[in-house]
Amino acid sequence: MLEWKLDGHQLLLANNGAGPLVQAGRSGRNVTALFPNLAAVAERLGVGTVGP
């Protein structure tokens, strides 16, 4: 289920060494494929880095 927020999305970017991860804030769902531009940013993070 995808819940749209009118004021934006609550996302978490991470690089766990297995590749970039874009995760939805409340549900914890992996939404990397929905946000390719953010996945490219997450891929450049150092391994083990997590950021809002």
C-alpha atoms as a PDB file:
ATOM      1  CA  MET A   1       0.000   0.000   0.000  1.00  0.00           C
ATOM      2  CA  LEU A   2       1.266   3.449  -0.872  1.00  0.00           C
ATOM      3  CA  GLU A   3       0.053   6.371   1.191  1.00  0.00           C
ATOM      4  CA  TRP A   4       0.464   9.728  -0.554  1.00  0.00           C
ATOM      5  CA  LYS A   5       1.334  12.737   1.553  1.00  0.00           C
ATOM      6  CA  LEU A   6       0.338  16.075   0.116  1.00  0.00           C
ATOM      7  CA  ASP A   7       3.325  17.754   1.737  1.00  0.00           C
ATOM      8  CA  GLY A   8       5.921  15.268   0.405  1.00  0.00           C
ATOM      9  CA  HIS A   9       7.375  11.859   1.170  1.00  0.00           C
ATOM     10  CA  GLN A  10       9.117  10.657   4.289  1.00  0.00           C
ATOM     11  CA  LEU A  11      12.084   8.635   3.005  1.00  0.00           C
ATOM     12  CA  LEU A  12      15.319   7.177   4.302  1.00  0.00           C
ATOM     13  CA  LEU A  13      18.428   6.785   2.130  1.00  0.00           C
ATOM     14  CA  ALA A  14      21.034   4.160   2.923  1.00  0.00           C
ATOM     15  CA  ASN A  15      23.921   2.175   1.482  1.00  0.00           C
ATOM     16  CA  ASN A  16      24.301  -1.202   3.160  1.00  0.00           C
ATOM     17  CA  GLY A  17      27.017  -2.557   0.892  1.00  0.00           C
ATOM     18  CA  ALA A  18      24.541  -4.616  -1.144  1.00  0.00           C
ATOM     19  CA  GLY A  19      23.446  -1.532  -3.052  1.00  0.00           C
ATOM     20  CA  PRO A  20      21.449   1.640  -2.537  1.00  0.00           C
ATOM     21  CA  LEU A  21      18.251   1.605  -0.524  1.00  0.00           C
ATOM     22  CA  VAL A  22      15.416   4.134  -0.474  1.00  0.00           C
ATOM     23  CA  GLN A  23      12.974   3.179   2.246  1.00  0.00           C
ATOM     24  CA  ALA A  24       9.570   4.662   3.022  1.00  0.00           C
ATOM     25  CA  GLY A  25       9.508   6.186   6.506  1.00  0.00           C
ATOM     26  CA  ARG A  26       6.382   4.825   8.174  1.00  0.00           C
ATOM     27  CA  SER A  27       5.862   1.563   6.322  1.00  0.00           C
ATOM     28  CA  GLY A  28       9.521   0.627   5.960  1.00  0.00           C
ATOM     29  CA  ARG A  29       8.795  -0.499   2.400  1.00  0.00           C
ATOM     30  CA  ASN A  30      11.681  -0.584  -0.087  1.00  0.00           C
ATOM     31  CA  VAL A  31      10.783   2.042  -2.709  1.00  0.00           C
ATOM     32  CA  THR A  32      14.181   2.257  -4.426  1.00  0.00           C
ATOM     33  CA  ALA A  33      12.716   1.464  -7.864  1.00  0.00           C
ATOM     34  CA  LEU A  34      10.205   4.319  -7.543  1.00  0.00           C
ATOM     35  CA  PHE A  35      12.915   6.939  -6.906  1.00  0.00           C
ATOM     36  CA  PRO A  36      15.851   6.273  -9.294  1.00  0.00           C
ATOM     37  CA  ASN A  37      17.340   9.739  -8.745  1.00  0.00           C
ATOM     38  CA  LEU A  38      17.466   9.216  -4.982  1.00  0.00           C
ATOM     39  CA  ALA A  39      18.839   5.698  -5.480  1.00  0.00           C
ATOM     40  CA  ALA A  40      21.746   7.239  -7.412  1.00  0.00           C
ATOM     41  CA  VAL A  41      22.452   9.545  -4.448  1.00  0.00           C
ATOM     42  CA  ALA A  42      22.188   6.664  -1.961  1.00  0.00           C
ATOM     43  CA  GLU A  43      24.622   4.644  -4.070  1.00  0.00           C
ATOM     44  CA  ARG A  44      27.261   7.350  -3.581  1.00  0.00           C
ATOM     45  CA  LEU A  45      26.934   7.226   0.226  1.00  0.00           C
ATOM     46  CA  GLY A  46      29.616   5.398   2.161  1.00  0.00           C
ATOM     47  CA  VAL A  47      28.772   1.814   3.138  1.00  0.00           C
ATOM     48  CA  GLY A  48      26.832   1.805   6.392  1.00  0.00           C
ATOM     49  CA  THR A  49      25.634   5.391   5.966  1.00  0.00           C
ATOM     50  CA  VAL A  50      21.989   6.225   6.650  1.00  0.00           C
ATOM     51  CA  GLY A  51      20.475   9.638   6.074  1.00  0.00           C
ATOM     52  CA  PRO A  52      17.131  11.384   5.793  1.00  0.00           C
END
